[in-house]
Protein backbone atom coordinates (compact mmCIF):
# COMPACT_ATOMS: atom_id res chain seq x y z
CA MET A 1 -69.60 14.99 20.44
CA PRO A 2 -67.95 12.32 18.32
CA VAL A 3 -69.74 8.85 17.66
CA SER A 4 -66.56 7.33 19.46
CA VAL A 5 -66.27 9.11 22.68
CA GLY A 6 -70.42 8.42 23.35
CA ILE A 7 -69.47 4.44 22.91
CA THR A 8 -67.40 4.86 25.11
CA MET A 9 -69.16 7.20 27.40
CA ALA A 10 -71.87 4.36 26.78
CA TRP A 11 -69.60 1.27 27.58
CA TRP A 12 -68.16 3.19 30.26
CA SER A 13 -71.35 3.41 31.61
CA LEU A 14 -72.36 -0.06 31.35
CA ALA A 15 -69.85 -1.28 33.03
CA ALA A 16 -70.47 0.80 36.24
CA ALA A 17 -73.82 -0.26 36.11
CA LYS A 18 -72.35 -4.40 36.71
CA ARG A 19 -70.05 -3.29 39.05
CA ARG A 20 -72.45 -1.79 40.93
CA ARG A 21 -74.42 -4.56 40.65
CA ALA A 22 -71.88 -6.89 41.26
CA VAL A 23 -71.86 -5.77 44.65
CA VAL A 24 -74.83 -4.61 45.88
CA SER A 25 -75.06 -8.86 45.12
CA LEU A 26 -72.45 -9.13 47.50
CA ILE A 27 -73.64 -7.26 49.90
CA GLU A 28 -76.99 -9.25 49.68
CA LEU A 29 -74.32 -12.85 50.01
CA LEU A 30 -73.17 -11.05 53.54
CA ILE A 31 -76.00 -10.33 54.38
CA VAL A 32 -77.68 -14.21 54.06
CA LEU A 33 -74.66 -15.56 55.80
CA ALA A 34 -75.38 -13.45 58.36
CA ILE A 35 -79.01 -14.11 58.51
CA ILE A 36 -77.73 -17.83 58.02
CA GLY A 37 -74.66 -17.87 61.02
CA VAL A 38 -76.82 -16.47 63.79
CA LEU A 39 -79.65 -19.18 62.85
CA ALA A 40 -77.76 -21.49 63.55
CA GLY A 41 -76.09 -19.90 66.84
CA VAL A 42 -79.55 -19.63 68.10
CA VAL A 43 -81.05 -22.87 66.45
CA VAL A 44 -78.18 -25.61 66.33
CA PRO A 45 -77.81 -25.40 70.24
CA ARG A 46 -81.69 -25.59 70.95
CA VAL A 47 -81.26 -28.73 69.38
CA ALA A 48 -78.77 -29.83 70.56
CA GLY A 49 -79.95 -29.74 74.05
CA ASP A 50 -77.88 -26.07 75.30
CA GLY A 51 -80.85 -24.22 74.51
CA GLY A 52 -82.65 -24.43 78.31
CA VAL A 53 -84.47 -27.36 76.89
CA VAL A 54 -84.81 -30.16 79.73
CA SER A 55 -84.61 -33.87 78.75
CA VAL A 56 -86.36 -36.31 80.20
CA ALA A 57 -83.09 -38.45 81.07
CA ALA A 58 -83.05 -35.59 83.17
CA VAL A 59 -86.04 -35.21 84.92
CA ASP A 60 -86.14 -38.55 85.78
CA GLU A 61 -82.69 -38.57 87.66
CA VAL A 62 -84.51 -35.51 89.51
CA ALA A 63 -87.15 -36.91 90.33
CA VAL A 64 -85.12 -40.34 91.63
CA SER A 65 -82.12 -38.49 93.71
CA VAL A 66 -85.79 -36.42 95.45
CA GLN A 67 -87.37 -39.77 95.63
CA ARG A 68 -84.37 -41.85 97.81
């Protein structure tokens, strides 16, 4: 095999490896973004009070209405 063919094959192999790494990095990034999205969908509503957590004011309101 001539040297130029070997160099060309090595270059194409290196380029293919770089493309594979780029695709893997993109997939990893998408997975991380999906995990962050799921966590944001679960954690943020709980912090905002929509996750089944009853506020103290709501408990006080129920207690006042029961006493009347």
